[in-house]
Amino acid sequence: MITACSSQEEGPEAAVKEFISAMYNGDVDKVTGLLYFPQEKNASDMISVEGMVKSKMKLAIDQAVEYGKEHGGVDKIECTLVNYTNEEKTEAKVQAITYFKDGTKDEGKGTNLVKVDGKWLIAFKI
């Protein structure tokens, strides 16, 4: 699988590519590790929410793995549009296309990200 990913320093595109790649590879821990959970709730609530999200993400990841297999696997992931949504450039929406080896592609709906402590994470709404 080719994703052309590099370090998180390169911007939100790398985080989106890493996230999509992890989805199609079935890596639940990597996927959930790339999610940002707003710190609006207390710590004990967040632990249970993260566990629930991990469980639900497993279902979505299993579907992604199956979809990828049906189309011969991922050929490449390409970011086509990056839109920073605040002046500080700590929030962004990234449009990516996943190309599969059988020639099909998935253009997705766009991914919202937030930069936290220098790392781009997928913005997850609770």
N, C-alpha and C. Protein backbone atom coordinates (compact mmCIF):
# COMPACT_ATOMS: atom_id res chain seq x y z
N MET A 1 0.84 -1.17 0.00
CA MET A 1 0.00 0.00 0.00
C MET A 1 0.88 1.23 0.00
N ILE A 2 0.56 2.17 -0.86
CA ILE A 2 1.31 3.41 -0.94
C ILE A 2 0.42 4.52 -0.40
N THR A 3 0.94 5.27 0.58
CA THR A 3 0.15 6.38 1.10
C THR A 3 0.90 7.69 1.06
N ALA A 4 2.16 7.66 0.80
CA ALA A 4 2.98 8.87 0.76
C ALA A 4 2.86 9.67 2.04
N CYS A 5 2.71 8.99 3.14
CA CYS A 5 2.62 9.68 4.44
C CYS A 5 4.01 10.01 4.94
N SER A 6 4.08 11.10 5.63
CA SER A 6 5.29 11.41 6.34
C SER A 6 4.92 11.94 7.70
N SER A 7 5.77 12.71 8.29
CA SER A 7 5.58 13.10 9.69
C SER A 7 4.37 14.01 9.88
N GLN A 8 3.88 14.05 11.12
CA GLN A 8 2.76 14.90 11.48
C GLN A 8 3.09 16.38 11.27
N GLU A 9 4.36 16.73 11.23
CA GLU A 9 4.77 18.11 11.07
C GLU A 9 4.32 18.68 9.73
N GLU A 10 4.07 17.85 8.76
CA GLU A 10 3.78 18.31 7.41
C GLU A 10 2.38 18.85 7.25
N GLY A 11 1.56 18.73 8.24
CA GLY A 11 0.23 19.30 8.15
C GLY A 11 -0.87 18.26 8.25
N PRO A 12 -2.08 18.73 8.10
CA PRO A 12 -3.23 17.86 8.29
C PRO A 12 -3.33 16.75 7.24
N GLU A 13 -2.74 16.97 6.07
CA GLU A 13 -2.80 15.95 5.02
C GLU A 13 -2.19 14.62 5.48
N ALA A 14 -1.06 14.68 6.14
CA ALA A 14 -0.38 13.47 6.60
C ALA A 14 -1.24 12.72 7.61
N ALA A 15 -1.93 13.45 8.49
CA ALA A 15 -2.80 12.81 9.48
C ALA A 15 -3.97 12.12 8.80
N VAL A 16 -4.55 12.75 7.78
CA VAL A 16 -5.67 12.14 7.06
C VAL A 16 -5.21 10.87 6.34
N LYS A 17 -4.07 10.94 5.70
CA LYS A 17 -3.55 9.76 5.00
C LYS A 17 -3.26 8.62 5.99
N GLU A 18 -2.69 8.97 7.12
CA GLU A 18 -2.38 7.97 8.14
C GLU A 18 -3.67 7.34 8.68
N PHE A 19 -4.70 8.16 8.90
CA PHE A 19 -5.99 7.69 9.39
C PHE A 19 -6.66 6.75 8.39
N ILE A 20 -6.72 7.17 7.13
CA ILE A 20 -7.36 6.34 6.10
C ILE A 20 -6.60 5.03 5.93
N SER A 21 -5.29 5.10 5.90
CA SER A 21 -4.47 3.90 5.77
C SER A 21 -4.73 2.94 6.93
N ALA A 22 -4.79 3.47 8.14
CA ALA A 22 -5.06 2.63 9.32
C ALA A 22 -6.45 1.99 9.24
N MET A 23 -7.43 2.73 8.72
CA MET A 23 -8.78 2.18 8.56
C MET A 23 -8.74 0.95 7.65
N TYR A 24 -8.14 1.10 6.48
CA TYR A 24 -8.11 0.00 5.52
C TYR A 24 -7.19 -1.14 5.94
N ASN A 25 -6.25 -0.85 6.83
CA ASN A 25 -5.37 -1.90 7.37
C ASN A 25 -5.97 -2.58 8.59
N GLY A 26 -7.10 -2.08 9.09
CA GLY A 26 -7.75 -2.69 10.24
C GLY A 26 -7.08 -2.41 11.57
N ASP A 27 -6.35 -1.31 11.66
CA ASP A 27 -5.60 -0.97 12.87
C ASP A 27 -6.44 -0.09 13.81
N VAL A 28 -7.25 -0.73 14.65
CA VAL A 28 -8.16 -0.02 15.55
C VAL A 28 -7.40 0.92 16.48
N ASP A 29 -6.30 0.46 17.06
CA ASP A 29 -5.55 1.29 18.00
C ASP A 29 -5.00 2.54 17.31
N LYS A 30 -4.49 2.40 16.10
CA LYS A 30 -3.95 3.56 15.37
C LYS A 30 -5.08 4.53 15.04
N VAL A 31 -6.21 4.00 14.56
CA VAL A 31 -7.34 4.85 14.22
C VAL A 31 -7.80 5.64 15.43
N THR A 32 -8.04 4.96 16.54
CA THR A 32 -8.53 5.67 17.73
C THR A 32 -7.45 6.57 18.32
N GLY A 33 -6.19 6.25 18.11
CA GLY A 33 -5.10 7.11 18.58
C GLY A 33 -5.00 8.42 17.80
N LEU A 34 -5.60 8.44 16.62
CA LEU A 34 -5.59 9.65 15.80
C LEU A 34 -6.83 10.51 15.99
N LEU A 35 -7.74 10.07 16.86
CA LEU A 35 -8.96 10.83 17.13
C LEU A 35 -8.74 11.83 18.25
N TYR A 36 -9.33 13.00 18.11
CA TYR A 36 -9.30 14.01 19.16
C TYR A 36 -10.67 14.03 19.84
N PHE A 37 -10.65 13.82 21.14
CA PHE A 37 -11.87 13.89 21.94
C PHE A 37 -11.85 15.21 22.70
N PRO A 38 -12.86 16.08 22.48
CA PRO A 38 -12.89 17.35 23.22
C PRO A 38 -12.84 17.10 24.72
N GLN A 39 -12.13 17.93 25.42
CA GLN A 39 -11.93 17.76 26.86
C GLN A 39 -13.04 18.43 27.68
N GLU A 40 -14.27 18.37 27.19
CA GLU A 40 -15.38 19.02 27.87
C GLU A 40 -15.92 18.19 29.03
N LYS A 41 -15.63 16.92 29.04
CA LYS A 41 -16.17 16.03 30.06
C LYS A 41 -15.09 15.73 31.09
N ASN A 42 -15.48 15.18 32.26
CA ASN A 42 -14.47 14.83 33.25
C ASN A 42 -13.74 13.55 32.83
N ALA A 43 -12.62 13.27 33.44
CA ALA A 43 -11.73 12.18 33.03
C ALA A 43 -12.42 10.81 33.04
N SER A 44 -13.23 10.50 34.04
CA SER A 44 -13.87 9.18 34.08
C SER A 44 -14.89 9.03 32.97
N ASP A 45 -15.60 10.11 32.61
CA ASP A 45 -16.52 10.06 31.49
C ASP A 45 -15.78 9.82 30.19
N MET A 46 -14.62 10.47 30.03
CA MET A 46 -13.84 10.33 28.80
C MET A 46 -13.34 8.91 28.61
N ILE A 47 -12.96 8.24 29.69
CA ILE A 47 -12.48 6.86 29.58
C ILE A 47 -13.59 5.98 29.03
N SER A 48 -14.81 6.13 29.53
CA SER A 48 -15.91 5.30 29.04
C SER A 48 -16.30 5.69 27.62
N VAL A 49 -16.26 6.98 27.28
CA VAL A 49 -16.59 7.42 25.93
C VAL A 49 -15.56 6.88 24.94
N GLU A 50 -14.28 6.96 25.29
CA GLU A 50 -13.24 6.44 24.39
C GLU A 50 -13.40 4.94 24.17
N GLY A 51 -13.76 4.21 25.21
CA GLY A 51 -13.99 2.76 25.07
C GLY A 51 -15.16 2.48 24.15
N MET A 52 -16.22 3.24 24.29
CA MET A 52 -17.40 3.07 23.44
C MET A 52 -17.06 3.40 21.99
N VAL A 53 -16.33 4.50 21.79
CA VAL A 53 -15.95 4.90 20.44
C VAL A 53 -15.07 3.84 19.80
N LYS A 54 -14.14 3.29 20.56
CA LYS A 54 -13.25 2.25 20.03
C LYS A 54 -14.06 1.05 19.57
N SER A 55 -15.06 0.68 20.34
CA SER A 55 -15.93 -0.43 19.98
C SER A 55 -16.70 -0.14 18.70
N LYS A 56 -17.25 1.06 18.59
CA LYS A 56 -18.01 1.43 17.39
C LYS A 56 -17.09 1.58 16.17
N MET A 57 -15.90 2.12 16.39
CA MET A 57 -14.95 2.27 15.29
C MET A 57 -14.53 0.92 14.73
N LYS A 58 -14.47 -0.08 15.59
CA LYS A 58 -14.10 -1.43 15.14
C LYS A 58 -15.05 -1.89 14.04
N LEU A 59 -16.34 -1.62 14.19
CA LEU A 59 -17.32 -1.99 13.17
C LEU A 59 -17.04 -1.27 11.85
N ALA A 60 -16.78 0.03 11.92
CA ALA A 60 -16.49 0.80 10.72
C ALA A 60 -15.18 0.34 10.07
N ILE A 61 -14.21 0.03 10.89
CA ILE A 61 -12.91 -0.43 10.38
C ILE A 61 -13.07 -1.77 9.69
N ASP A 62 -13.84 -2.68 10.30
CA ASP A 62 -14.07 -3.98 9.67
C ASP A 62 -14.72 -3.81 8.29
N GLN A 63 -15.65 -2.88 8.17
CA GLN A 63 -16.28 -2.60 6.88
C GLN A 63 -15.27 -2.04 5.88
N ALA A 64 -14.40 -1.15 6.35
CA ALA A 64 -13.37 -0.58 5.48
C ALA A 64 -12.41 -1.65 4.98
N VAL A 65 -12.00 -2.54 5.88
CA VAL A 65 -11.09 -3.63 5.49
C VAL A 65 -11.74 -4.49 4.42
N GLU A 66 -13.00 -4.83 4.61
CA GLU A 66 -13.72 -5.67 3.64
C GLU A 66 -13.86 -4.95 2.30
N TYR A 67 -14.20 -3.68 2.35
CA TYR A 67 -14.34 -2.88 1.13
C TYR A 67 -13.01 -2.83 0.37
N GLY A 68 -11.93 -2.60 1.12
CA GLY A 68 -10.61 -2.56 0.51
C GLY A 68 -10.25 -3.88 -0.17
N LYS A 69 -10.55 -4.97 0.51
CA LYS A 69 -10.27 -6.30 -0.07
C LYS A 69 -11.07 -6.53 -1.34
N GLU A 70 -12.34 -6.11 -1.33
CA GLU A 70 -13.20 -6.27 -2.51
C GLU A 70 -12.66 -5.54 -3.73
N HIS A 71 -11.88 -4.50 -3.48
CA HIS A 71 -11.35 -3.68 -4.58
C HIS A 71 -9.85 -3.85 -4.77
N GLY A 72 -9.32 -4.95 -4.28
CA GLY A 72 -7.92 -5.29 -4.53
C GLY A 72 -6.91 -4.59 -3.64
N GLY A 73 -7.38 -3.87 -2.63
CA GLY A 73 -6.48 -3.15 -1.73
C GLY A 73 -6.30 -1.70 -2.16
N VAL A 74 -5.72 -0.93 -1.27
CA VAL A 74 -5.48 0.49 -1.54
C VAL A 74 -4.23 0.65 -2.39
N ASP A 75 -4.37 1.45 -3.43
CA ASP A 75 -3.23 1.77 -4.28
C ASP A 75 -2.53 3.02 -3.76
N LYS A 76 -3.32 4.09 -3.54
CA LYS A 76 -2.75 5.33 -3.01
C LYS A 76 -3.85 6.18 -2.40
N ILE A 77 -3.43 7.11 -1.58
CA ILE A 77 -4.32 8.08 -0.95
C ILE A 77 -3.79 9.46 -1.30
N GLU A 78 -4.66 10.29 -1.83
CA GLU A 78 -4.25 11.60 -2.30
C GLU A 78 -5.15 12.68 -1.67
N CYS A 79 -4.54 13.68 -1.10
CA CYS A 79 -5.29 14.82 -0.57
C CYS A 79 -5.47 15.85 -1.67
N THR A 80 -6.72 16.23 -1.93
CA THR A 80 -7.00 17.13 -3.04
C THR A 80 -7.32 18.55 -2.60
N LEU A 81 -7.69 18.73 -1.34
CA LEU A 81 -8.04 20.06 -0.86
C LEU A 81 -7.80 20.14 0.63
N VAL A 82 -7.11 21.20 1.06
CA VAL A 82 -6.92 21.48 2.47
C VAL A 82 -7.46 22.88 2.72
N ASN A 83 -8.42 22.98 3.62
CA ASN A 83 -9.03 24.26 3.95
C ASN A 83 -8.85 24.52 5.44
N TYR A 84 -8.00 25.47 5.78
CA TYR A 84 -7.84 25.84 7.19
C TYR A 84 -9.07 26.65 7.58
N THR A 85 -9.68 26.29 8.70
CA THR A 85 -10.96 26.88 9.07
C THR A 85 -10.86 27.92 10.18
N ASN A 86 -9.64 28.23 10.62
CA ASN A 86 -9.47 29.33 11.57
C ASN A 86 -8.17 30.08 11.25
N GLU A 87 -8.05 31.28 11.76
CA GLU A 87 -6.88 32.11 11.46
C GLU A 87 -5.58 31.53 11.98
N GLU A 88 -5.63 30.82 13.11
CA GLU A 88 -4.43 30.24 13.71
C GLU A 88 -3.92 29.02 12.95
N LYS A 89 -4.71 28.54 12.00
CA LYS A 89 -4.41 27.33 11.23
C LYS A 89 -4.19 26.12 12.14
N THR A 90 -5.08 26.02 13.15
CA THR A 90 -5.06 24.85 14.04
C THR A 90 -6.30 23.98 13.83
N GLU A 91 -7.13 24.37 12.87
CA GLU A 91 -8.29 23.58 12.48
C GLU A 91 -8.33 23.54 10.96
N ALA A 92 -8.70 22.38 10.43
CA ALA A 92 -8.71 22.25 8.98
C ALA A 92 -9.73 21.21 8.55
N LYS A 93 -10.13 21.31 7.29
CA LYS A 93 -10.94 20.27 6.66
C LYS A 93 -10.15 19.82 5.44
N VAL A 94 -9.97 18.50 5.34
CA VAL A 94 -9.17 17.94 4.25
C VAL A 94 -10.03 16.98 3.43
N GLN A 95 -10.00 17.17 2.13
CA GLN A 95 -10.67 16.26 1.21
C GLN A 95 -9.61 15.31 0.66
N ALA A 96 -9.88 14.02 0.73
CA ALA A 96 -8.93 13.02 0.23
C ALA A 96 -9.64 12.03 -0.68
N ILE A 97 -8.89 11.48 -1.61
CA ILE A 97 -9.40 10.43 -2.49
C ILE A 97 -8.55 9.18 -2.25
N THR A 98 -9.22 8.07 -2.01
CA THR A 98 -8.54 6.78 -1.87
C THR A 98 -8.71 6.04 -3.18
N TYR A 99 -7.60 5.68 -3.80
CA TYR A 99 -7.61 4.93 -5.06
C TYR A 99 -7.33 3.45 -4.75
N PHE A 100 -8.11 2.58 -5.34
CA PHE A 100 -7.95 1.15 -5.13
C PHE A 100 -7.32 0.51 -6.35
N LYS A 101 -6.73 -0.65 -6.13
CA LYS A 101 -5.98 -1.33 -7.19
C LYS A 101 -6.84 -1.78 -8.36
N ASP A 102 -8.17 -1.91 -8.16
CA ASP A 102 -9.04 -2.30 -9.27
C ASP A 102 -9.53 -1.10 -10.07
N GLY A 103 -9.03 0.09 -9.75
CA GLY A 103 -9.39 1.30 -10.49
C GLY A 103 -10.51 2.10 -9.87
N THR A 104 -11.17 1.58 -8.85
CA THR A 104 -12.22 2.36 -8.20
C THR A 104 -11.59 3.39 -7.25
N LYS A 105 -12.40 4.35 -6.87
CA LYS A 105 -11.91 5.35 -5.94
C LYS A 105 -13.04 5.75 -4.98
N ASP A 106 -12.64 6.23 -3.82
CA ASP A 106 -13.56 6.73 -2.80
C ASP A 106 -13.16 8.16 -2.50
N GLU A 107 -14.06 9.10 -2.79
CA GLU A 107 -13.73 10.51 -2.58
C GLU A 107 -14.07 10.99 -1.18
N GLY A 108 -14.75 10.21 -0.39
CA GLY A 108 -15.06 10.59 0.99
C GLY A 108 -15.86 11.88 1.07
N LYS A 109 -16.08 12.34 2.28
CA LYS A 109 -16.88 13.53 2.52
C LYS A 109 -16.05 14.66 3.12
N GLY A 110 -14.79 14.46 3.29
CA GLY A 110 -13.94 15.45 3.93
C GLY A 110 -13.76 15.12 5.39
N THR A 111 -12.61 15.43 5.91
CA THR A 111 -12.26 15.11 7.29
C THR A 111 -11.90 16.39 8.02
N ASN A 112 -12.51 16.60 9.19
CA ASN A 112 -12.19 17.74 10.04
C ASN A 112 -11.07 17.36 11.00
N LEU A 113 -10.11 18.26 11.13
CA LEU A 113 -8.96 18.01 12.00
C LEU A 113 -8.72 19.20 12.92
N VAL A 114 -8.00 18.90 14.00
CA VAL A 114 -7.60 19.94 14.94
C VAL A 114 -6.15 19.65 15.34
N LYS A 115 -5.37 20.71 15.49
CA LYS A 115 -3.98 20.57 15.89
C LYS A 115 -3.88 20.74 17.40
N VAL A 116 -3.42 19.68 18.07
CA VAL A 116 -3.33 19.67 19.53
C VAL A 116 -1.89 19.34 19.91
N ASP A 117 -1.26 20.20 20.67
CA ASP A 117 0.13 20.00 21.10
C ASP A 117 1.04 19.66 19.92
N GLY A 118 0.84 20.35 18.80
CA GLY A 118 1.69 20.19 17.63
C GLY A 118 1.37 18.99 16.76
N LYS A 119 0.31 18.25 17.09
CA LYS A 119 -0.04 17.05 16.32
C LYS A 119 -1.45 17.19 15.75
N TRP A 120 -1.59 16.87 14.48
CA TRP A 120 -2.90 16.91 13.83
C TRP A 120 -3.68 15.65 14.17
N LEU A 121 -4.93 15.86 14.63
CA LEU A 121 -5.82 14.75 15.00
C LEU A 121 -7.17 14.93 14.33
N ILE A 122 -7.84 13.82 14.12
CA ILE A 122 -9.17 13.84 13.53
C ILE A 122 -10.15 14.36 14.58
N ALA A 123 -10.88 15.41 14.26
CA ALA A 123 -11.84 16.01 15.21
C ALA A 123 -13.04 15.08 15.31
N PHE A 124 -13.26 14.56 16.49
CA PHE A 124 -14.34 13.61 16.73
C PHE A 124 -15.39 14.26 17.61
N LYS A 125 -16.61 14.34 17.11
CA LYS A 125 -17.70 14.96 17.86
C LYS A 125 -18.40 13.91 18.72
N ILE A 126 -18.55 14.21 20.01
CA ILE A 126 -19.23 13.30 20.94
C ILE A 126 -20.69 13.70 21.03
